[in-house]
Amino acid sequence: MLFVSYSPALGGAERILVDLASDVTGEVVLAAPPGPLAEAAGAAGLRLVPLRARSLELRARPRDRAAAPPRLLGLARELRETLAALRPRLVVAWNMRALLASVPALASVRPRPPLVFQHNDLLPGPAIGAAVRTAARRARLTVCLSRAIARDLDPGGRLGRVEVLPAGVDLERFAPAPGAAGEVLVLGAIEPWKRPELALEIAARVPELRMRLAGAPVGAAGEALRARLGERVRRPDLAGRVELVGPLADPLPALQGAAALLHCADREPYGLALVEALACGVPVVAPAAGGPLEIVGEGGRLYPPGDAAAGALVLRDVLARRDQLGAAARRRAEAHFDRERARRRYRELLATAA
């Protein structure tokens, strides 16, 4: 079974890839560029086929958009060689770019293995959306992390078999711990669509609040955003209350020590960090949209996307009822986000597609 990833990064979707692929029965191969994902997959025992590293900037600037089709075609040529050598019984295209390269790569392969599209994002725009929907019609099965992703991809129900399977977490490892530090945690990549600057504006409206913002910048836009965040936290209304801690090798200690998790992306397709927080008994404050709208439930509170004033009010309410909401958060994780149940269902889905 061949899993394909365009990205070398180890974000939430890639962590899910490693977890699910390492649990699949039989020989599993991951084709991916060198980087953190390949390292994590190797440590999990997956066989690796290296792909050439390509820029992750596909839409940021006009030259990126112009270079995107040649990059995807280059990946398709590499995959065609990999398919000829491995003859997999099933191909899993992980995310949109892997799908757009896998479809032309499979076109000349005989016998052609079935294709599964693992879709973890919201479509970025009409043109790319049309291309992804066309390519998704070639897949025997599409698996989406959330109903929001599935609706965005296939609003009319025309793509054939689309299944929604939320990722779970290890409920024994991600578990409540005594002695929350009282700080609010913001956890995620530093990039514009995650809206970390909104978290700072929410913190500015809660003067008694202490906050830790953890995550690594992604690309040039992320680096520029990180610099702006650094300037903002030094202003008088936030000085000494907000810490930018950078990337975390393991998010578990930070989650277990948090009073609440604050999330600010108003177009979040899923949100693995939110699920991990619930499992740790940490209430979640997030925008009422996308994946968080399906995840949070009784384990926290939602606020209108982009509204710092409303976010501050909701966060105050959550902190005042932290113990009650924390217990509800853990119950929700146990009921809906058990990793073993998700793994078992994923194995069943792949077996029906093979």
Protein backbone atom coordinates (compact mmCIF):
# COMPACT_ATOMS: atom_id res chain seq x y z
CA MET A 1 0.00 0.00 0.00
CA LEU A 2 1.52 3.31 -1.08
CA PHE A 3 0.84 6.59 0.75
CA VAL A 4 1.88 9.75 -1.09
CA SER A 5 2.63 13.15 0.46
CA TYR A 6 3.80 16.27 -1.36
CA SER A 7 4.69 17.95 1.92
CA PRO A 8 7.76 17.11 4.05
CA ALA A 9 6.33 18.96 7.07
CA LEU A 10 4.92 17.34 10.18
CA GLY A 11 1.73 19.26 10.81
CA GLY A 12 -1.50 17.85 12.21
CA ALA A 13 -2.53 16.15 8.97
CA GLU A 14 0.88 14.51 8.58
CA ARG A 15 0.86 13.30 12.18
CA ILE A 16 -2.48 11.66 11.39
CA LEU A 17 -0.92 10.08 8.30
CA VAL A 18 1.87 8.47 10.33
CA ASP A 19 -0.56 7.24 12.97
CA LEU A 20 -3.02 5.67 10.53
CA ALA A 21 -0.49 4.31 8.03
CA SER A 22 1.59 2.66 10.74
CA ASP A 23 -1.52 0.74 11.86
CA VAL A 24 -2.50 -0.60 8.43
CA THR A 25 -2.13 -4.35 7.92
CA GLY A 26 0.52 -5.46 5.42
CA GLU A 27 3.47 -3.65 3.88
CA VAL A 28 3.06 0.11 3.80
CA VAL A 29 5.32 2.49 1.88
CA LEU A 30 5.39 6.27 2.19
CA ALA A 31 6.56 8.37 -0.73
CA ALA A 32 7.50 11.79 0.64
CA PRO A 33 10.30 14.37 0.48
CA PRO A 34 13.02 14.27 3.14
CA GLY A 35 12.07 16.15 6.29
CA PRO A 36 10.20 15.83 9.58
CA LEU A 37 7.38 13.72 8.11
CA ALA A 38 9.80 11.17 6.64
CA GLU A 39 11.72 11.05 9.92
CA ALA A 40 8.56 10.41 11.95
CA ALA A 41 7.37 7.79 9.47
CA GLY A 42 10.71 6.01 9.57
CA ALA A 43 10.65 5.98 13.36
CA ALA A 44 7.17 4.43 13.18
CA GLY A 45 8.51 1.61 11.01
CA LEU A 46 7.21 2.71 7.61
CA ARG A 47 9.27 2.01 4.51
CA LEU A 48 10.23 5.24 2.72
CA VAL A 49 10.60 6.21 -0.92
CA PRO A 50 12.22 9.66 -1.11
CA LEU A 51 10.70 12.28 -3.39
CA ARG A 52 12.41 15.45 -4.53
CA ALA A 53 11.70 18.40 -2.23
CA ARG A 54 9.47 21.04 -3.82
CA SER A 55 8.36 24.43 -2.61
CA LEU A 56 5.27 24.52 -0.42
CA GLU A 57 4.51 28.04 -1.68
CA LEU A 58 2.01 27.34 -4.44
CA ARG A 59 -0.22 30.41 -4.25
CA ALA A 60 1.55 33.12 -2.27
CA ARG A 61 2.92 35.06 -5.26
CA PRO A 62 2.28 35.09 -9.03
CA ARG A 63 5.52 33.22 -9.71
CA ASP A 64 4.50 30.53 -7.20
CA ARG A 65 1.19 30.08 -8.98
CA ALA A 66 2.97 29.85 -12.34
CA ALA A 67 5.43 27.27 -11.00
CA ALA A 68 2.78 25.08 -9.34
CA PRO A 69 1.72 23.03 -12.42
CA PRO A 70 5.33 22.11 -13.38
CA ARG A 71 6.02 21.08 -9.79
CA LEU A 72 2.98 18.83 -9.70
CA LEU A 73 3.85 17.33 -13.09
CA GLY A 74 7.37 16.67 -11.83
CA LEU A 75 5.93 14.85 -8.85
CA ALA A 76 3.65 12.87 -11.19
CA ARG A 77 6.68 11.68 -13.19
CA GLU A 78 8.42 10.57 -9.99
CA LEU A 79 5.32 8.74 -8.84
CA ARG A 80 4.96 6.97 -12.18
CA GLU A 81 8.43 5.48 -11.69
CA THR A 82 7.60 4.55 -8.10
CA LEU A 83 4.37 2.86 -9.15
CA ALA A 84 6.15 0.87 -11.84
CA ALA A 85 8.73 -0.33 -9.32
CA LEU A 86 6.42 -1.12 -6.40
CA ARG A 87 3.17 -2.23 -8.07
CA PRO A 88 1.09 -1.30 -4.99
CA ARG A 89 -2.35 -2.78 -4.48
CA LEU A 90 -3.70 0.60 -3.32
CA VAL A 91 -2.55 4.24 -3.52
CA VAL A 92 -3.54 6.78 -0.86
CA ALA A 93 -3.06 10.39 -1.98
CA TRP A 94 -2.63 12.43 1.19
CA ASN A 95 -4.01 15.94 0.62
CA MET A 96 -4.85 17.83 -2.53
CA ARG A 97 -1.42 18.20 -4.09
CA ALA A 98 -0.72 14.50 -3.78
CA LEU A 99 -4.07 13.81 -5.46
CA LEU A 100 -3.36 16.19 -8.36
CA ALA A 101 -0.05 14.41 -8.99
CA SER A 102 -1.32 10.86 -8.39
CA VAL A 103 -4.13 10.98 -10.96
CA PRO A 104 -1.85 11.60 -13.99
CA ALA A 105 0.78 9.25 -12.55
CA LEU A 106 -1.76 6.42 -12.45
CA ALA A 107 -3.14 7.08 -15.93
CA SER A 108 -0.59 4.90 -17.73
CA VAL A 109 -0.14 2.22 -15.06
CA ARG A 110 -1.47 -1.25 -15.88
CA PRO A 111 -2.97 -2.84 -13.92
CA ARG A 112 -4.07 0.38 -12.29
CA PRO A 113 -4.35 0.18 -8.49
CA PRO A 114 -7.37 1.82 -6.83
CA LEU A 115 -6.89 5.38 -5.59
CA VAL A 116 -8.01 6.71 -2.21
CA PHE A 117 -8.04 10.46 -1.65
CA GLN A 118 -7.44 11.52 1.97
CA HIS A 119 -8.77 15.09 2.07
CA ASN A 120 -7.79 17.20 5.07
CA ASP A 121 -8.26 20.82 3.95
CA LEU A 122 -10.83 23.27 2.69
CA LEU A 123 -10.51 24.18 -0.98
CA PRO A 124 -8.41 27.34 -1.42
CA GLY A 125 -10.30 28.85 -4.37
CA PRO A 126 -12.57 28.18 -7.39
CA ALA A 127 -9.87 27.21 -9.90
CA ILE A 128 -8.03 24.80 -7.62
CA GLY A 129 -11.35 23.59 -6.26
CA ALA A 130 -12.51 22.63 -9.76
CA ALA A 131 -9.26 20.78 -10.42
CA VAL A 132 -9.46 18.89 -7.12
CA ARG A 133 -13.10 17.89 -7.67
CA THR A 134 -12.27 16.63 -11.17
CA ALA A 135 -9.35 14.61 -9.83
CA ALA A 136 -11.40 13.30 -6.89
CA ARG A 137 -13.82 11.69 -9.35
CA ARG A 138 -10.99 9.28 -10.24
CA ALA A 139 -10.74 8.09 -6.64
CA ARG A 140 -12.59 4.99 -5.54
CA LEU A 141 -12.96 6.49 -2.08
CA THR A 142 -12.50 9.94 -0.54
CA VAL A 143 -12.01 10.18 3.22
CA CYS A 144 -12.50 13.57 4.92
CA LEU A 145 -11.52 14.55 8.45
CA SER A 146 -14.69 16.58 9.03
CA ARG A 147 -18.16 17.16 7.64
CA ALA A 148 -17.08 20.72 6.86
CA ILE A 149 -14.35 19.39 4.55
CA ALA A 150 -16.76 16.94 2.90
CA ARG A 151 -19.42 19.63 2.29
CA ASP A 152 -16.81 22.02 0.89
CA LEU A 153 -15.50 19.39 -1.53
CA ASP A 154 -18.81 17.87 -2.59
CA PRO A 155 -21.73 20.21 -1.79
CA GLY A 156 -24.00 18.50 -4.29
CA GLY A 157 -23.13 14.90 -3.44
CA ARG A 158 -21.87 14.13 -6.95
CA LEU A 159 -18.41 12.72 -6.29
CA GLY A 160 -19.34 9.17 -5.44
CA ARG A 161 -18.17 7.65 -2.20
CA VAL A 162 -17.16 10.28 0.37
CA GLU A 163 -16.68 9.17 3.98
CA VAL A 164 -16.11 11.36 7.06
CA LEU A 165 -13.67 9.97 9.61
CA PRO A 166 -12.47 12.34 12.37
CA ALA A 167 -8.99 11.55 13.64
CA GLY A 168 -8.67 10.31 17.18
CA VAL A 169 -5.94 10.57 19.79
CA ASP A 170 -4.31 8.19 22.24
CA LEU A 171 -6.60 8.62 25.23
CA GLU A 172 -4.13 6.96 27.60
CA ARG A 173 -1.30 9.31 26.69
CA PHE A 174 -3.38 12.46 26.24
CA ALA A 175 -5.04 12.45 29.63
CA PRO A 176 -5.79 15.00 32.34
CA ALA A 177 -3.01 15.85 34.80
CA PRO A 178 -3.33 17.70 38.12
CA GLY A 179 -2.13 21.23 38.60
CA ALA A 180 -3.00 23.33 35.53
CA ALA A 181 -0.73 26.36 35.47
CA GLY A 182 -3.54 28.79 34.79
CA GLU A 183 -2.16 30.01 31.47
CA VAL A 184 -4.13 29.98 28.24
CA LEU A 185 -2.39 28.08 25.45
CA VAL A 186 -2.47 28.92 21.74
CA LEU A 187 -1.05 25.97 19.81
CA GLY A 188 -0.48 25.81 16.06
CA ALA A 189 1.70 26.79 13.15
CA ILE A 190 2.55 30.48 12.84
CA GLU A 191 0.97 31.32 9.53
CA PRO A 192 -1.61 33.92 8.49
CA TRP A 193 -4.67 31.67 8.16
CA LYS A 194 -4.26 30.45 11.75
CA ARG A 195 -4.92 34.05 12.95
CA PRO A 196 -2.49 34.12 15.93
CA GLU A 197 -2.68 37.91 15.96
CA LEU A 198 -6.36 37.57 16.94
CA ALA A 199 -5.29 35.61 20.03
CA LEU A 200 -3.19 38.59 21.12
CA GLU A 201 -6.11 40.97 20.67
CA ILE A 202 -8.28 38.66 22.77
CA ALA A 203 -5.58 38.60 25.45
CA ALA A 204 -5.40 42.40 25.40
CA ARG A 205 -9.09 42.48 26.42
CA VAL A 206 -8.51 40.20 29.44
CA PRO A 207 -5.91 42.05 31.55
CA GLU A 208 -5.63 39.31 34.17
CA LEU A 209 -4.82 36.68 31.55
CA ARG A 210 -1.47 35.01 30.96
CA MET A 211 -0.91 33.32 27.59
CA ARG A 212 1.60 31.07 25.87
CA LEU A 213 1.64 31.04 22.07
CA ALA A 214 3.43 27.94 20.74
CA GLY A 215 4.24 27.04 17.16
CA ALA A 216 6.76 27.33 14.37
CA PRO A 217 6.52 29.83 11.51
CA VAL A 218 5.71 28.37 8.09
CA GLY A 219 7.43 29.93 5.09
CA ALA A 220 8.28 33.56 4.51
CA ALA A 221 4.79 34.73 5.45
CA GLY A 222 5.05 32.89 8.75
CA GLU A 223 8.42 34.42 9.53
CA ALA A 224 7.07 37.91 8.84
CA LEU A 225 4.03 37.21 11.01
CA ARG A 226 6.24 35.93 13.83
CA ALA A 227 8.16 39.22 13.78
CA ARG A 228 4.91 41.21 14.00
CA LEU A 229 3.70 39.08 16.89
CA GLY A 230 6.97 39.73 18.71
CA GLU A 231 6.48 43.47 18.34
CA ARG A 232 2.86 43.24 19.53
CA VAL A 233 3.60 41.33 22.74
CA ARG A 234 6.09 44.00 23.80
CA ARG A 235 3.45 46.73 23.89
CA PRO A 236 2.29 47.84 27.36
CA ASP A 237 -1.10 46.07 27.31
CA LEU A 238 0.54 42.66 26.74
CA ALA A 239 4.07 43.09 28.07
CA GLY A 240 4.96 40.39 30.59
CA ARG A 241 1.70 38.49 30.06
CA VAL A 242 2.21 36.75 26.70
CA GLU A 243 5.10 34.44 25.85
CA LEU A 244 6.02 33.29 22.33
CA VAL A 245 7.57 29.90 23.04
CA GLY A 246 8.26 28.63 19.51
CA PRO A 247 7.72 25.03 18.36
CA LEU A 248 7.12 22.26 20.88
CA ALA A 249 8.75 18.88 20.41
CA ASP A 250 5.85 17.37 22.36
CA PRO A 251 2.64 19.35 22.96
CA LEU A 252 1.47 17.11 25.83
CA PRO A 253 3.10 18.92 28.80
CA ALA A 254 1.90 22.30 27.55
CA LEU A 255 -1.64 21.00 27.06
CA GLN A 256 -1.79 19.32 30.45
CA GLY A 257 -0.62 22.53 32.12
CA ALA A 258 -3.06 24.84 30.34
CA ALA A 259 -6.18 26.36 31.82
CA ALA A 260 -7.76 26.49 28.35
CA LEU A 261 -6.84 26.18 24.69
CA LEU A 262 -7.60 29.20 22.53
CA HIS A 263 -7.97 28.68 18.79
CA CYS A 264 -8.43 31.51 16.32
CA ALA A 265 -8.40 30.17 12.73
CA ASP A 266 -11.73 31.11 11.20
CA ARG A 267 -11.32 28.56 8.38
CA GLU A 268 -9.96 25.55 10.25
CA PRO A 269 -10.75 22.31 8.41
CA TYR A 270 -10.29 20.07 11.45
CA GLY A 271 -8.04 20.90 14.42
CA LEU A 272 -6.07 18.00 15.92
CA ALA A 273 -4.79 20.23 18.73
CA LEU A 274 -8.40 20.81 19.81
CA VAL A 275 -8.99 17.06 20.08
CA GLU A 276 -5.79 16.63 22.08
CA ALA A 277 -6.86 19.41 24.43
CA LEU A 278 -10.26 17.79 25.02
CA ALA A 279 -8.54 14.50 25.83
CA CYS A 280 -6.35 16.30 28.39
CA GLY A 281 -9.45 17.71 30.07
CA VAL A 282 -8.64 21.21 28.82
CA PRO A 283 -11.64 23.26 27.67
CA VAL A 284 -11.43 24.77 24.20
CA VAL A 285 -12.38 28.24 23.01
CA ALA A 286 -12.62 28.39 19.21
CA PRO A 287 -14.46 30.06 16.31
CA ALA A 288 -17.89 28.70 15.47
CA ALA A 289 -16.90 27.46 12.01
CA GLY A 290 -15.34 24.52 10.20
CA GLY A 291 -13.85 21.66 12.16
CA PRO A 292 -14.05 23.34 15.60
CA LEU A 293 -17.82 23.61 15.21
CA GLU A 294 -17.92 19.79 15.09
CA ILE A 295 -15.20 19.10 17.65
CA VAL A 296 -15.77 21.36 20.67
CA GLY A 297 -19.33 20.55 21.75
CA GLU A 298 -19.80 20.57 25.52
CA GLY A 299 -16.01 20.62 25.99
CA GLY A 300 -15.71 24.38 25.63
CA ARG A 301 -17.31 27.40 24.02
CA LEU A 302 -17.43 28.94 20.55
CA TYR A 303 -17.34 32.57 19.44
CA PRO A 304 -18.07 34.35 16.13
CA PRO A 305 -15.04 34.00 13.83
CA GLY A 306 -12.72 37.01 13.92
CA ASP A 307 -14.49 38.74 16.82
CA ALA A 308 -11.88 39.55 19.49
CA ALA A 309 -14.37 41.13 21.89
CA ALA A 310 -16.69 38.10 21.77
CA GLY A 311 -13.71 35.78 22.08
CA ALA A 312 -12.58 37.57 25.23
CA LEU A 313 -16.04 37.27 26.82
CA VAL A 314 -16.25 33.56 26.01
CA LEU A 315 -12.73 32.94 27.28
CA ARG A 316 -13.52 34.63 30.61
CA ASP A 317 -16.61 32.45 30.97
CA VAL A 318 -14.63 29.29 30.23
CA LEU A 319 -11.89 30.16 32.73
CA ALA A 320 -14.51 30.80 35.40
CA ARG A 321 -15.95 27.30 34.85
CA ARG A 322 -12.72 25.54 34.01
CA ASP A 323 -13.22 22.43 36.18
CA GLN A 324 -16.75 21.74 34.99
CA LEU A 325 -15.89 22.24 31.32
CA GLY A 326 -12.65 20.30 31.65
CA ALA A 327 -14.51 17.21 32.84
CA ALA A 328 -16.97 17.60 29.96
CA ALA A 329 -14.04 17.97 27.53
CA ARG A 330 -12.58 14.63 28.61
CA ARG A 331 -15.96 12.90 28.32
CA ARG A 332 -16.37 14.26 24.79
CA ALA A 333 -12.94 13.00 23.74
CA GLU A 334 -13.72 9.55 25.11
CA ALA A 335 -17.06 9.44 23.31
CA HIS A 336 -15.98 10.77 19.90
CA PHE A 337 -12.20 10.83 19.42
CA ASP A 338 -10.77 7.49 20.50
CA ARG A 339 -7.76 6.72 18.30
CA GLU A 340 -8.32 2.97 18.36
CA ARG A 341 -11.86 3.35 17.02
CA ALA A 342 -10.62 5.70 14.29
CA ARG A 343 -7.80 3.33 13.32
CA ARG A 344 -10.16 0.37 13.13
CA ARG A 345 -12.60 2.29 10.92
CA TYR A 346 -9.77 3.47 8.66
CA ARG A 347 -8.57 -0.09 8.14
CA GLU A 348 -12.12 -1.09 7.23
CA LEU A 349 -12.45 1.75 4.73
CA LEU A 350 -9.18 0.93 2.98
CA ALA A 351 -10.13 -2.75 2.82
CA THR A 352 -13.34 -1.87 0.98
CA ALA A 353 -11.40 0.27 -1.53
CA ALA A 354 -8.60 -2.18 -2.27
